[in-house]
Protein backbone atom coordinates (compact mmCIF):
# COMPACT_ATOMS: atom_id res chain seq x y z
CA MET A 1 21.40 21.76 4.98
CA SER A 2 24.62 21.21 6.62
CA GLU A 3 24.95 18.35 9.11
CA HIS A 4 25.37 20.65 11.92
CA ALA A 5 22.21 22.11 11.51
CA ILE A 6 20.34 18.52 10.91
CA GLU A 7 21.69 17.18 14.04
CA PHE A 8 20.78 20.19 16.04
CA LEU A 9 16.80 20.39 14.34
CA GLN A 10 16.38 16.95 15.46
CA GLU A 11 18.14 17.49 18.91
CA TRP A 12 16.18 20.14 20.18
CA ILE A 13 12.59 18.48 18.59
CA GLY A 14 13.33 15.21 20.70
CA GLU A 15 14.01 17.90 23.69
CA LYS A 16 11.33 20.24 23.46
CA VAL A 17 8.09 18.44 21.19
CA HIS A 18 6.25 16.58 23.38
CA CYS A 19 2.55 16.82 23.92
CA HIS A 20 1.48 18.77 26.59
CA ALA A 21 -1.37 21.12 25.11
CA SER A 22 -4.96 20.07 23.90
CA PRO A 23 -5.00 19.67 20.38
CA ASP A 24 -6.86 22.71 19.96
CA ARG A 25 -4.04 24.99 20.94
CA ILE A 26 -1.36 22.36 19.67
CA GLU A 27 -1.06 25.81 16.94
CA LYS A 28 -0.31 28.16 19.42
CA GLN A 29 2.52 26.05 20.75
CA ALA A 30 3.72 25.35 17.73
CA GLU A 31 4.32 28.86 16.80
CA THR A 32 6.39 29.34 20.28
CA LEU A 33 8.33 26.66 20.04
CA ALA A 34 9.60 27.44 16.56
CA ARG A 35 10.55 31.21 17.41
CA GLU A 36 12.55 29.17 20.24
CA CYS A 37 13.85 27.02 18.09
CA ALA A 38 14.87 29.45 15.67
CA ALA A 39 16.47 31.86 18.70
CA LYS A 40 18.59 28.42 19.86
CA ALA A 41 19.82 27.70 16.22
CA ALA A 42 20.73 31.42 15.91
CA GLU A 43 22.85 30.99 18.76
CA ALA A 44 24.04 27.83 17.92
CA GLY A 45 25.20 29.77 14.50
CA ILE A 46 22.61 27.66 12.16
CA PRO A 47 20.55 30.04 10.18
CA LEU A 48 17.29 29.70 10.16
CA GLU A 49 17.34 29.55 6.41
CA ASP A 50 19.35 26.35 6.83
CA ILE A 51 16.67 24.58 8.61
CA GLN A 52 13.81 25.88 6.09
CA GLU A 53 15.90 25.24 3.08
CA GLU A 54 15.43 21.05 4.27
CA VAL A 55 12.11 21.01 6.30
CA GLY A 56 10.15 23.98 5.06
CA ASP A 57 8.41 26.28 7.53
CA ILE A 58 9.72 24.70 11.31
CA LYS A 59 6.33 25.76 12.30
CA GLU A 60 4.60 23.37 10.48
CA LEU A 61 6.84 20.65 11.02
CA ILE A 62 6.65 21.24 14.98
CA ALA A 63 2.93 21.38 14.54
CA SER A 64 2.79 17.78 13.00
CA LYS A 65 5.17 16.67 15.63
CA LEU A 66 2.96 17.68 18.49
CA GLU A 67 -0.29 16.01 16.72
CA GLU A 68 2.12 12.86 16.34
CA ALA A 69 2.89 13.38 20.16
CA ALA A 70 -0.62 13.85 21.17
CA GLU A 71 -2.27 10.94 19.00
CA ALA A 72 0.51 8.47 20.62
CA ASP A 73 -0.36 10.06 24.06
CA GLN A 74 -4.10 9.25 23.60
CA ASP A 75 -3.23 5.78 22.03
CA GLU A 76 -1.44 5.28 24.88
CA LYS A 77 -4.07 6.27 27.86
CA ASN A 78 -6.68 4.14 25.46
CA SER A 79 -4.52 1.19 25.67
CA ASP A 80 -4.54 1.53 29.70
CA LYS A 81 -8.16 1.53 30.15
CA PRO A 82 -9.48 -2.10 30.37
CA ALA A 83 -11.65 -3.60 27.76
CA GLY A 84 -15.17 -3.70 28.96
């Protein structure tokens, strides 16, 4: 995968992949974001195949990043609660 494609994917995920959905909606959100990522990559002249060659299914990658963000968000909420 080209360095340009790697940079694009890292930047795009950093900007777009945040936990806004409940865990049961992560799959749907990942599907939507994967389509958006593919479209933006195409606009930037980066073939989806270049990205998939390195990371596999971008929907699965995005879903895992959303799950990580959801867990971090939950951990943060739990740490804000007073011990009792």
